[in-house]
Protein backbone atom coordinates (compact mmCIF):
# COMPACT_ATOMS: atom_id res chain seq x y z
CA MET A 1 129.11 112.47 105.83
CA SER A 2 125.39 112.29 106.54
CA ARG A 3 124.03 112.39 110.03
CA PRO A 4 122.40 109.17 111.32
CA ARG A 5 118.63 109.27 111.56
CA SER A 6 117.33 109.90 115.03
CA TYR A 7 113.85 108.50 114.59
CA ASP A 8 112.19 105.11 114.22
CA GLU A 9 111.39 104.89 110.51
CA ASP A 10 108.66 102.27 111.03
CA ALA A 11 106.96 104.46 113.63
CA VAL A 12 107.00 107.59 111.48
CA ILE A 13 105.68 105.73 108.42
CA GLU A 14 102.94 104.22 110.58
CA ALA A 15 102.01 107.69 111.85
CA ALA A 16 101.93 109.06 108.29
CA MET A 17 99.86 106.11 107.10
CA HIS A 18 97.21 106.81 109.74
CA GLN A 19 97.23 110.51 108.83
CA PHE A 20 96.58 109.71 105.16
CA TRP A 21 93.96 107.12 106.13
CA ARG A 22 92.04 109.48 108.41
CA HIS A 23 92.26 112.63 106.30
CA GLY A 24 92.95 111.48 102.75
CA TYR A 25 95.82 112.45 100.52
CA ALA A 26 94.52 115.90 99.65
CA GLY A 27 93.48 116.57 103.24
CA THR A 28 96.99 115.86 104.51
CA SER A 29 99.63 118.55 104.14
CA VAL A 30 103.38 118.15 104.44
CA ARG A 31 103.08 120.21 107.62
CA ASP A 32 100.51 117.73 109.00
CA LEU A 33 102.81 114.86 108.13
CA GLY A 34 105.78 116.53 109.77
CA GLN A 35 103.77 117.09 112.94
CA VAL A 36 102.51 113.51 113.29
CA MET A 37 105.90 112.11 112.29
CA GLY A 38 107.87 114.47 114.52
CA LEU A 39 110.00 115.69 111.61
CA GLY A 40 110.87 119.15 110.38
CA GLN A 41 110.28 120.00 106.74
CA ALA A 42 113.92 119.56 105.72
CA SER A 43 114.16 116.20 107.51
CA PHE A 44 110.89 115.11 105.92
CA TYR A 45 112.09 115.86 102.38
CA ASN A 46 115.56 114.42 103.02
CA ALA A 47 114.12 111.19 104.37
CA PHE A 48 111.13 110.65 102.07
CA GLY A 49 111.61 112.85 99.02
CA GLY A 50 108.11 114.25 99.13
CA LYS A 51 104.48 113.59 99.89
CA ARG A 52 103.83 111.27 96.93
CA SER A 53 106.80 108.99 97.62
CA LEU A 54 105.88 108.84 101.31
CA PHE A 55 102.29 108.04 100.35
CA ALA A 56 103.46 105.12 98.20
CA ARG A 57 105.45 103.77 101.16
CA CYS A 58 102.46 104.23 103.48
CA LEU A 59 100.18 102.44 101.05
CA ASP A 60 102.65 99.55 100.84
CA ARG A 61 102.83 99.39 104.63
CA TYR A 62 99.03 99.33 104.84
CA LEU A 63 98.88 96.54 102.25
CA ASP A 64 101.67 94.56 103.92
CA GLN A 65 99.79 94.66 107.22
CA GLY A 66 96.47 93.61 105.68
CA MET A 67 95.84 92.62 102.11
CA ARG A 68 99.19 91.09 101.20
CA GLU A 69 99.35 89.02 104.39
CA ARG A 70 95.77 87.87 103.85
CA LEU A 71 96.39 86.92 100.20
CA ARG A 72 99.55 84.94 101.07
CA ARG A 73 97.85 83.13 103.95
CA LEU A 74 94.74 82.17 101.98
CA ALA A 75 96.68 81.09 98.88
CA ALA A 76 98.96 78.92 101.02
CA THR A 77 96.36 77.33 103.30
CA GLN A 78 93.10 77.05 101.35
CA PRO A 79 92.01 75.29 98.18
CA PRO A 80 91.49 77.83 95.36
CA ARG A 81 87.72 78.27 95.59
CA GLN A 82 87.80 78.42 99.41
CA ALA A 83 90.60 81.00 99.25
CA ILE A 84 88.38 83.25 97.14
CA ALA A 85 85.37 82.73 99.39
CA GLY A 86 87.50 83.21 102.50
CA LEU A 87 88.93 86.48 101.26
CA LEU A 88 85.49 87.86 100.42
CA GLU A 89 84.10 86.75 103.79
CA GLU A 90 87.01 88.40 105.60
CA ILE A 91 86.45 91.60 103.62
CA VAL A 92 82.77 91.69 104.57
CA ALA A 93 83.64 91.24 108.26
CA ARG A 94 86.45 93.81 108.14
CA SER A 95 84.33 96.31 106.21
CA LEU A 96 81.52 96.12 108.75
CA ARG A 97 83.96 96.47 111.64
CA ASP A 98 86.16 99.25 110.22
CA ARG A 99 84.28 102.39 109.17
CA MET A 100 87.42 104.25 107.96
CA GLY A 101 87.32 102.09 104.87
CA CYS A 102 90.25 100.75 102.95
CA LEU A 103 93.17 103.11 102.38
CA LEU A 104 93.68 101.67 98.89
CA VAL A 105 90.03 102.09 97.90
CA ASN A 106 89.79 105.50 99.53
CA SER A 107 92.86 106.60 97.59
CA ALA A 108 91.51 105.22 94.32
CA LEU A 109 88.29 107.19 94.78
CA GLU A 110 89.96 110.38 95.96
CA LEU A 111 93.02 110.58 93.75
CA ALA A 112 92.94 108.44 90.64
CA PRO A 113 90.86 110.91 88.61
CA HIS A 114 93.06 113.88 89.56
CA ASP A 115 96.64 112.74 90.10
CA ARG A 116 98.27 110.51 87.50
CA GLY A 117 101.25 109.70 89.70
CA VAL A 118 99.19 108.50 92.64
CA ALA A 119 96.75 106.82 90.24
CA ALA A 120 99.66 104.74 88.91
CA VAL A 121 100.62 103.72 92.46
CA VAL A 122 97.02 102.72 93.22
CA ALA A 123 96.64 100.84 89.91
CA ALA A 124 99.78 98.81 90.59
CA ARG A 125 98.49 97.81 94.02
CA LEU A 126 95.06 96.90 92.61
CA ALA A 127 96.83 94.67 90.07
CA GLU A 128 98.17 92.60 92.97
CA LEU A 129 94.62 91.88 94.09
CA GLU A 130 93.53 91.00 90.56
CA ASP A 131 96.56 88.69 90.23
CA PHE A 132 95.52 86.84 93.41
CA PHE A 133 92.05 86.23 92.02
CA ARG A 134 93.38 85.19 88.61
CA GLY A 135 95.80 82.74 90.22
CA ARG A 136 93.09 81.21 92.39
CA VAL A 137 90.68 81.00 89.42
CA LEU A 138 93.28 79.25 87.26
CA ALA A 139 94.15 76.84 90.08
CA GLY A 140 90.45 76.18 90.68
CA GLN A 141 89.88 75.54 87.00
CA ALA A 142 92.78 73.10 87.03
CA ASP A 143 91.34 71.16 90.01
CA GLY A 144 87.76 71.37 88.70
CA SER A 145 86.34 73.51 91.53
CA ILE A 146 85.81 76.57 89.30
CA ALA A 147 83.97 76.63 85.99
CA ALA A 148 85.84 77.03 82.71
CA ARG A 149 85.17 80.72 82.12
CA ASP A 150 87.58 83.45 81.15
CA PRO A 151 89.95 83.69 84.15
CA ASP A 152 90.77 87.34 83.45
CA ASP A 153 87.10 88.30 83.43
CA LEU A 154 86.42 86.35 86.63
CA ALA A 155 89.45 87.91 88.34
CA ARG A 156 88.34 91.41 87.37
CA MET A 157 84.77 90.74 88.50
CA LEU A 158 85.95 89.44 91.88
CA MET A 159 88.30 92.40 92.33
CA THR A 160 85.47 94.77 91.43
CA LEU A 161 83.18 93.07 93.94
CA LEU A 162 85.78 93.35 96.69
CA LEU A 163 86.30 97.05 96.00
CA GLY A 164 82.55 97.58 95.84
CA LEU A 165 82.09 95.88 99.20
CA ARG A 166 84.58 98.25 100.76
CA VAL A 167 82.79 101.28 99.29
CA LEU A 168 79.31 99.96 100.15
CA ALA A 169 80.26 99.44 103.79
CA ARG A 170 81.13 103.12 104.15
CA GLY A 171 77.64 104.29 103.20
CA ARG A 172 75.39 101.28 103.73
CA PRO A 173 77.00 98.81 106.12
CA ASP A 174 74.41 96.05 105.78
CA ARG A 175 75.68 92.51 106.29
CA ALA A 176 72.82 90.83 104.39
CA THR A 177 73.36 93.02 101.32
CA MET A 178 77.09 92.38 101.30
CA GLN A 179 76.79 88.64 101.88
CA GLY A 180 74.16 88.40 99.13
CA ALA A 181 76.55 90.02 96.66
CA VAL A 182 79.29 87.57 97.69
CA ARG A 183 76.94 84.58 97.24
CA GLN A 184 76.03 85.73 93.74
CA ALA A 185 79.67 86.24 92.77
CA LEU A 186 80.64 82.81 94.06
CA ALA A 187 77.75 81.28 92.11
CA LEU A 188 79.41 82.57 88.94
CA LEU A 189 82.32 80.25 89.68
CA ASP A 190 80.04 77.18 89.26
């Protein structure tokens, strides 16, 4: 019979998420994770299986608290074109306010070229963002608010812009530059 867990799983995943976010995947050891989570090595592996599986859970937690909530809210409350514009505006504001960057984007830059397993996790999460844009583009084309262009290409362009905004804000956090890029992207929807 297994022993009941004596820790708050949400709290330890939150602590691990912040560790990965501050120090990156490669810069975070299992020992570091154990320390911030308050778990010994055996407990860590028993509970989470390993660093990669914990990272995937942390990334999902990060996305649930930010991107996924934002996508659901905008899709449910805004017309398609306004949902796209609203998301991009929120990303500009968040990027200028939060200099740690986006955990998803940071992970894509740090890991995707070097770790196929983590790259697959990141790619799956990026697909969710692309799906949001594709859905809004198709809905906007149906209601006439978005031009009849290839919805897959528009979705990929919008996803690429969003990711670029998050990267740009880390090195050149200039509101006018970011808003100009958003204006040009939205003009492509006409």
